[in-house]
């Protein structure tokens, strides 16, 4: 399955950056499932401790921490792959989209008509 890449250059690397990959949405789904499973695991452990009438007993959360961390990493990767390509936000790219008529269409503050003639008569 080919991943379509857009050539984006940065100061750090000249490697192509994949965008809008087909892998993004499934990774987001997997991350959501992992996070839901971690929540269910904690709920299940709490229910078990309440059934044993030991609600003050500590819960073993090591597996939950690892599962949440893995879900975070997969979710960030999925969101990055699912994002649209970056737009160029430099001043030069903005000026390429506009014409001189659009830039000069606003009213200016400079007024070249002088009232000195009417004051000079006095």
N, C-alpha and C. Protein backbone atom coordinates (compact mmCIF):
# COMPACT_ATOMS: atom_id res chain seq x y z
N UNK A 1 0.85 -1.17 0.00
CA UNK A 1 0.00 0.00 0.00
C UNK A 1 0.90 1.24 0.00
N UNK A 2 0.89 2.02 -1.07
CA UNK A 2 1.76 3.20 -1.11
C UNK A 2 1.20 4.33 -0.26
N UNK A 3 2.10 5.05 0.38
CA UNK A 3 1.73 6.23 1.14
C UNK A 3 2.09 7.45 0.30
N UNK A 4 1.09 8.27 0.00
CA UNK A 4 1.34 9.47 -0.80
C UNK A 4 2.05 10.50 0.07
N UNK A 5 3.11 11.06 -0.48
CA UNK A 5 3.90 12.01 0.29
C UNK A 5 3.93 13.35 -0.43
N UNK A 6 3.96 14.37 0.34
CA UNK A 6 4.11 15.72 -0.19
C UNK A 6 5.50 16.19 0.18
N UNK A 7 6.21 16.76 -0.75
CA UNK A 7 7.57 17.21 -0.48
C UNK A 7 7.52 18.51 0.32
N UNK A 8 7.83 18.43 1.60
CA UNK A 8 7.86 19.58 2.48
C UNK A 8 9.28 19.67 3.02
N UNK A 9 9.89 20.81 2.86
CA UNK A 9 11.24 20.97 3.38
C UNK A 9 11.19 21.82 4.63
N UNK A 10 12.02 21.48 5.56
CA UNK A 10 12.10 22.26 6.79
C UNK A 10 13.56 22.52 7.10
N UNK A 11 13.80 23.24 8.17
CA UNK A 11 15.17 23.53 8.56
C UNK A 11 15.85 22.30 9.14
N UNK A 12 15.07 21.31 9.58
CA UNK A 12 15.62 20.16 10.26
C UNK A 12 15.91 19.00 9.32
N UNK A 13 15.14 18.87 8.26
CA UNK A 13 15.29 17.70 7.42
C UNK A 13 14.71 17.98 6.05
N UNK A 14 15.18 17.26 5.06
CA UNK A 14 14.64 17.38 3.72
C UNK A 14 13.87 16.12 3.33
N UNK A 15 13.40 15.36 4.33
CA UNK A 15 12.66 14.14 4.06
C UNK A 15 11.21 14.46 3.70
N UNK A 16 10.60 13.67 2.81
CA UNK A 16 9.18 13.90 2.51
C UNK A 16 8.32 13.57 3.72
N UNK A 17 7.27 14.35 3.91
CA UNK A 17 6.38 14.18 5.05
C UNK A 17 5.07 13.59 4.54
N UNK A 18 4.64 12.41 5.04
CA UNK A 18 3.36 11.86 4.57
C UNK A 18 2.19 12.68 5.11
N UNK A 19 1.16 12.82 4.32
CA UNK A 19 -0.02 13.55 4.76
C UNK A 19 -1.27 12.82 4.32
N UNK A 20 -2.31 12.95 5.11
CA UNK A 20 -3.62 12.40 4.82
C UNK A 20 -3.54 10.92 4.45
N UNK A 21 -2.80 10.18 5.23
CA UNK A 21 -2.59 8.77 4.98
C UNK A 21 -3.84 7.97 5.31
N UNK A 22 -3.99 6.83 4.68
CA UNK A 22 -5.10 5.93 4.98
C UNK A 22 -4.91 5.26 6.33
N UNK A 23 -3.74 5.37 6.89
CA UNK A 23 -3.43 4.74 8.17
C UNK A 23 -3.87 5.58 9.36
N UNK A 24 -4.20 6.84 9.16
CA UNK A 24 -4.52 7.75 10.26
C UNK A 24 -5.78 7.38 11.02
N UNK A 25 -6.88 7.13 10.31
CA UNK A 25 -8.14 6.82 10.98
C UNK A 25 -8.11 5.48 11.71
N UNK A 26 -7.54 4.42 11.13
CA UNK A 26 -7.45 3.18 11.90
C UNK A 26 -6.59 3.31 13.16
N UNK A 27 -5.52 4.11 13.08
CA UNK A 27 -4.70 4.32 14.28
C UNK A 27 -5.47 5.08 15.35
N UNK A 28 -6.29 6.05 14.96
CA UNK A 28 -7.13 6.75 15.93
C UNK A 28 -8.15 5.80 16.56
N UNK A 29 -8.68 4.89 15.77
CA UNK A 29 -9.62 3.91 16.29
C UNK A 29 -8.94 2.98 17.30
N UNK A 30 -7.75 2.51 16.97
CA UNK A 30 -7.00 1.64 17.88
C UNK A 30 -6.67 2.38 19.18
N UNK A 31 -6.28 3.63 19.08
CA UNK A 31 -5.97 4.41 20.28
C UNK A 31 -7.21 4.59 21.15
N UNK A 32 -8.36 4.83 20.51
CA UNK A 32 -9.60 4.97 21.28
C UNK A 32 -9.98 3.66 21.96
N UNK A 33 -9.79 2.56 21.26
CA UNK A 33 -10.09 1.25 21.87
C UNK A 33 -9.15 0.95 23.03
N UNK A 34 -7.87 1.27 22.88
CA UNK A 34 -6.92 1.04 23.97
C UNK A 34 -7.27 1.88 25.20
N UNK A 35 -7.63 3.12 24.98
CA UNK A 35 -7.99 3.99 26.09
C UNK A 35 -9.29 3.51 26.75
N UNK A 36 -10.25 3.08 25.94
CA UNK A 36 -11.49 2.54 26.50
C UNK A 36 -11.23 1.27 27.31
N UNK A 37 -10.32 0.44 26.83
CA UNK A 37 -9.98 -0.78 27.56
C UNK A 37 -9.31 -0.46 28.89
N UNK A 38 -8.47 0.57 28.91
CA UNK A 38 -7.82 0.96 30.16
C UNK A 38 -8.86 1.45 31.17
N UNK A 39 -9.82 2.22 30.69
CA UNK A 39 -10.88 2.70 31.58
C UNK A 39 -11.72 1.54 32.09
N UNK A 40 -12.04 0.60 31.22
CA UNK A 40 -12.81 -0.57 31.63
C UNK A 40 -12.04 -1.42 32.64
N UNK A 41 -10.74 -1.54 32.47
CA UNK A 41 -9.92 -2.32 33.40
C UNK A 41 -9.96 -1.71 34.79
N UNK A 42 -9.83 -0.40 34.89
CA UNK A 42 -9.88 0.26 36.20
C UNK A 42 -11.26 0.10 36.81
N UNK A 43 -12.31 0.26 36.02
CA UNK A 43 -13.67 0.10 36.53
C UNK A 43 -13.90 -1.33 37.02
N UNK A 44 -13.38 -2.30 36.27
CA UNK A 44 -13.54 -3.70 36.64
C UNK A 44 -12.80 -3.99 37.95
N UNK A 45 -11.61 -3.46 38.11
CA UNK A 45 -10.85 -3.68 39.34
C UNK A 45 -11.56 -3.03 40.53
N UNK A 46 -12.09 -1.82 40.34
CA UNK A 46 -12.82 -1.17 41.43
C UNK A 46 -14.08 -1.94 41.81
N UNK A 47 -14.79 -2.45 40.81
CA UNK A 47 -15.99 -3.23 41.09
C UNK A 47 -15.64 -4.51 41.85
N UNK A 48 -14.54 -5.13 41.47
CA UNK A 48 -14.11 -6.35 42.14
C UNK A 48 -13.75 -6.06 43.60
N UNK A 49 -13.04 -4.96 43.84
CA UNK A 49 -12.67 -4.62 45.22
C UNK A 49 -13.90 -4.25 46.05
N UNK A 50 -14.89 -3.59 45.45
CA UNK A 50 -16.12 -3.27 46.18
C UNK A 50 -16.90 -4.53 46.51
N UNK A 51 -16.88 -5.50 45.58
CA UNK A 51 -17.59 -6.76 45.83
C UNK A 51 -16.93 -7.53 46.98
N UNK A 52 -15.62 -7.41 47.11
CA UNK A 52 -14.90 -8.06 48.21
C UNK A 52 -14.95 -7.24 49.49
N UNK A 53 -15.60 -6.10 49.44
CA UNK A 53 -15.69 -5.16 50.56
C UNK A 53 -14.31 -4.71 51.04
N UNK A 54 -13.46 -4.41 50.07
CA UNK A 54 -12.13 -3.88 50.34
C UNK A 54 -11.88 -2.66 49.44
N UNK A 55 -12.71 -1.63 49.53
CA UNK A 55 -12.56 -0.50 48.59
C UNK A 55 -11.31 0.34 48.84
N UNK A 56 -10.68 0.18 50.00
CA UNK A 56 -9.48 0.97 50.30
C UNK A 56 -8.20 0.30 49.83
N UNK A 57 -8.29 -0.92 49.35
CA UNK A 57 -7.11 -1.64 48.87
C UNK A 57 -6.60 -0.98 47.58
N UNK A 58 -5.29 -0.78 47.45
CA UNK A 58 -4.78 -0.09 46.25
C UNK A 58 -4.96 -0.93 44.98
N UNK A 59 -5.15 -0.21 43.90
CA UNK A 59 -5.35 -0.85 42.59
C UNK A 59 -3.99 -0.94 41.90
N UNK A 60 -3.75 -2.05 41.21
CA UNK A 60 -2.52 -2.17 40.44
C UNK A 60 -2.72 -1.47 39.10
N UNK A 61 -2.03 -0.36 38.92
CA UNK A 61 -2.24 0.48 37.74
C UNK A 61 -1.08 0.44 36.75
N UNK A 62 -0.11 -0.44 36.94
CA UNK A 62 1.05 -0.47 36.04
C UNK A 62 0.63 -0.76 34.60
N UNK A 63 -0.21 -1.75 34.41
CA UNK A 63 -0.65 -2.10 33.05
C UNK A 63 -1.49 -0.97 32.46
N UNK A 64 -2.30 -0.33 33.29
CA UNK A 64 -3.14 0.76 32.81
C UNK A 64 -2.26 1.94 32.36
N UNK A 65 -1.20 2.25 33.11
CA UNK A 65 -0.30 3.33 32.72
C UNK A 65 0.33 3.04 31.36
N UNK A 66 0.80 1.81 31.17
CA UNK A 66 1.43 1.46 29.90
C UNK A 66 0.41 1.51 28.76
N UNK A 67 -0.79 1.06 29.03
CA UNK A 67 -1.83 1.05 28.00
C UNK A 67 -2.23 2.48 27.62
N UNK A 68 -2.35 3.36 28.61
CA UNK A 68 -2.70 4.76 28.32
C UNK A 68 -1.57 5.47 27.58
N UNK A 69 -0.34 5.18 27.95
CA UNK A 69 0.81 5.79 27.25
C UNK A 69 0.86 5.32 25.81
N UNK A 70 0.64 4.02 25.59
CA UNK A 70 0.63 3.50 24.23
C UNK A 70 -0.53 4.10 23.43
N UNK A 71 -1.69 4.26 24.06
CA UNK A 71 -2.84 4.88 23.39
C UNK A 71 -2.54 6.33 23.02
N UNK A 72 -1.84 7.05 23.90
CA UNK A 72 -1.47 8.44 23.61
C UNK A 72 -0.53 8.51 22.41
N UNK A 73 0.47 7.66 22.38
CA UNK A 73 1.44 7.68 21.27
C UNK A 73 0.76 7.32 19.96
N UNK A 74 -0.05 6.27 19.98
CA UNK A 74 -0.75 5.86 18.75
C UNK A 74 -1.76 6.93 18.33
N UNK A 75 -2.42 7.57 19.29
CA UNK A 75 -3.39 8.62 18.97
C UNK A 75 -2.74 9.83 18.35
N UNK A 76 -1.59 10.25 18.86
CA UNK A 76 -0.87 11.40 18.28
C UNK A 76 -0.40 11.06 16.88
N UNK A 77 0.11 9.85 16.68
CA UNK A 77 0.55 9.44 15.35
C UNK A 77 -0.63 9.39 14.39
N UNK A 78 -1.76 8.83 14.83
CA UNK A 78 -2.95 8.77 13.98
C UNK A 78 -3.49 10.15 13.63
N UNK A 79 -3.50 11.06 14.62
CA UNK A 79 -3.98 12.42 14.36
C UNK A 79 -3.04 13.15 13.40
N UNK A 80 -1.75 12.90 13.52
CA UNK A 80 -0.78 13.54 12.62
C UNK A 80 -0.94 13.03 11.20
N UNK A 81 -1.18 11.74 11.05
CA UNK A 81 -1.34 11.19 9.70
C UNK A 81 -2.70 11.55 9.10
N UNK A 82 -3.68 11.85 9.95
CA UNK A 82 -5.01 12.17 9.47
C UNK A 82 -5.18 13.67 9.17
N UNK A 83 -4.24 14.48 9.57
CA UNK A 83 -4.34 15.93 9.40
C UNK A 83 -4.14 16.33 7.94
N UNK A 84 -4.77 17.44 7.52
CA UNK A 84 -4.55 17.92 6.15
C UNK A 84 -3.13 18.47 6.00
N UNK A 85 -2.67 18.63 4.77
CA UNK A 85 -1.32 19.17 4.58
C UNK A 85 -1.20 20.59 5.11
N UNK A 86 0.00 20.95 5.53
CA UNK A 86 0.24 22.27 6.09
C UNK A 86 0.16 23.33 5.01
N UNK A 87 -0.32 24.50 5.39
CA UNK A 87 -0.40 25.62 4.45
C UNK A 87 0.79 26.53 4.65
N UNK A 88 1.21 27.17 3.57
CA UNK A 88 2.30 28.13 3.65
C UNK A 88 1.73 29.44 4.19
N UNK A 89 2.25 29.92 5.31
CA UNK A 89 1.68 31.11 5.95
C UNK A 89 2.64 32.29 5.93
N UNK A 90 3.55 32.30 4.99
CA UNK A 90 4.49 33.42 4.91
C UNK A 90 3.83 34.61 4.23
N UNK A 91 4.44 35.77 4.39
CA UNK A 91 3.92 36.99 3.77
C UNK A 91 3.99 36.88 2.24
N UNK A 92 5.02 36.27 1.73
CA UNK A 92 5.16 36.13 0.28
C UNK A 92 4.04 35.26 -0.30
N UNK A 93 3.67 34.19 0.39
CA UNK A 93 2.59 33.35 -0.13
C UNK A 93 1.25 34.07 -0.07
N UNK A 94 1.05 34.92 0.92
CA UNK A 94 -0.19 35.70 1.00
C UNK A 94 -0.24 36.73 -0.13
N UNK A 95 0.87 37.33 -0.46
CA UNK A 95 0.91 38.33 -1.52
C UNK A 95 0.76 37.70 -2.90
N UNK A 96 1.10 36.41 -3.04
CA UNK A 96 0.88 35.73 -4.32
C UNK A 96 -0.61 35.57 -4.61
N UNK A 97 -1.44 35.49 -3.56
CA UNK A 97 -2.88 35.31 -3.73
C UNK A 97 -3.60 36.63 -4.01
N UNK A 98 -3.01 37.75 -3.68
CA UNK A 98 -3.69 39.05 -3.78
C UNK A 98 -3.14 39.86 -4.95
N UNK A 99 -3.96 40.81 -5.41
CA UNK A 99 -3.52 41.72 -6.46
C UNK A 99 -3.28 43.09 -5.82
N UNK A 100 -2.68 43.97 -6.59
CA UNK A 100 -2.41 45.31 -6.08
C UNK A 100 -3.71 46.08 -5.87
N UNK A 101 -4.75 45.77 -6.66
CA UNK A 101 -6.03 46.44 -6.50
C UNK A 101 -6.69 46.08 -5.16
N UNK A 102 -6.53 44.84 -4.71
CA UNK A 102 -7.09 44.45 -3.41
C UNK A 102 -6.35 45.14 -2.28
N UNK A 103 -5.07 45.34 -2.44
CA UNK A 103 -4.28 45.94 -1.37
C UNK A 103 -4.51 47.45 -1.28
N UNK A 104 -4.75 48.12 -2.43
CA UNK A 104 -4.94 49.57 -2.43
C UNK A 104 -6.41 49.98 -2.39
N UNK A 105 -7.32 49.04 -2.19
CA UNK A 105 -8.75 49.36 -2.22
C UNK A 105 -9.22 49.99 -0.92
N UNK A 106 -8.45 49.94 0.11
CA UNK A 106 -8.91 50.50 1.39
C UNK A 106 -8.61 52.00 1.43
N UNK A 107 -9.37 52.74 2.22
CA UNK A 107 -9.11 54.18 2.30
C UNK A 107 -7.79 54.44 3.03
N UNK A 108 -7.08 55.43 2.56
CA UNK A 108 -5.80 55.75 3.17
C UNK A 108 -5.93 56.88 4.18
N UNK A 109 -4.89 57.09 4.95
CA UNK A 109 -4.88 58.15 5.94
C UNK A 109 -4.17 59.41 5.44
N UNK A 110 -3.45 59.27 4.36
CA UNK A 110 -2.72 60.43 3.86
C UNK A 110 -3.67 61.37 3.11
N UNK A 111 -3.59 62.63 3.43
CA UNK A 111 -4.42 63.63 2.78
C UNK A 111 -3.48 64.69 2.21
N UNK A 112 -3.43 64.77 0.89
CA UNK A 112 -2.49 65.69 0.25
C UNK A 112 -3.11 67.04 -0.05
N UNK A 113 -4.37 67.24 0.26
CA UNK A 113 -5.01 68.53 0.04
C UNK A 113 -4.75 69.38 1.28
N UNK A 114 -4.15 70.51 1.06
CA UNK A 114 -3.77 71.38 2.17
C UNK A 114 -4.79 72.49 2.34
N UNK A 115 -5.05 72.86 3.58
CA UNK A 115 -5.94 73.99 3.86
C UNK A 115 -5.15 75.28 4.08
N UNK A 116 -3.93 75.27 3.74
CA UNK A 116 -3.09 76.44 3.95
C UNK A 116 -3.52 77.61 3.10
N UNK A 117 -4.15 77.36 1.96
CA UNK A 117 -4.60 78.45 1.11
C UNK A 117 -5.67 79.28 1.80
N UNK A 118 -6.59 78.61 2.51
CA UNK A 118 -7.63 79.37 3.18
C UNK A 118 -7.07 80.12 4.39
N UNK A 119 -6.05 79.62 5.02
CA UNK A 119 -5.43 80.31 6.14
C UNK A 119 -4.55 81.48 5.68
N UNK A 120 -4.01 81.38 4.50
CA UNK A 120 -3.11 82.38 3.98
C UNK A 120 -3.87 83.67 3.64
N UNK A 121 -5.16 83.58 3.34
CA UNK A 121 -5.96 84.75 3.00
C UNK A 121 -6.22 85.63 4.21
N UNK A 122 -6.16 85.11 5.39
CA UNK A 122 -6.49 85.87 6.59
C UNK A 122 -5.42 86.86 6.94
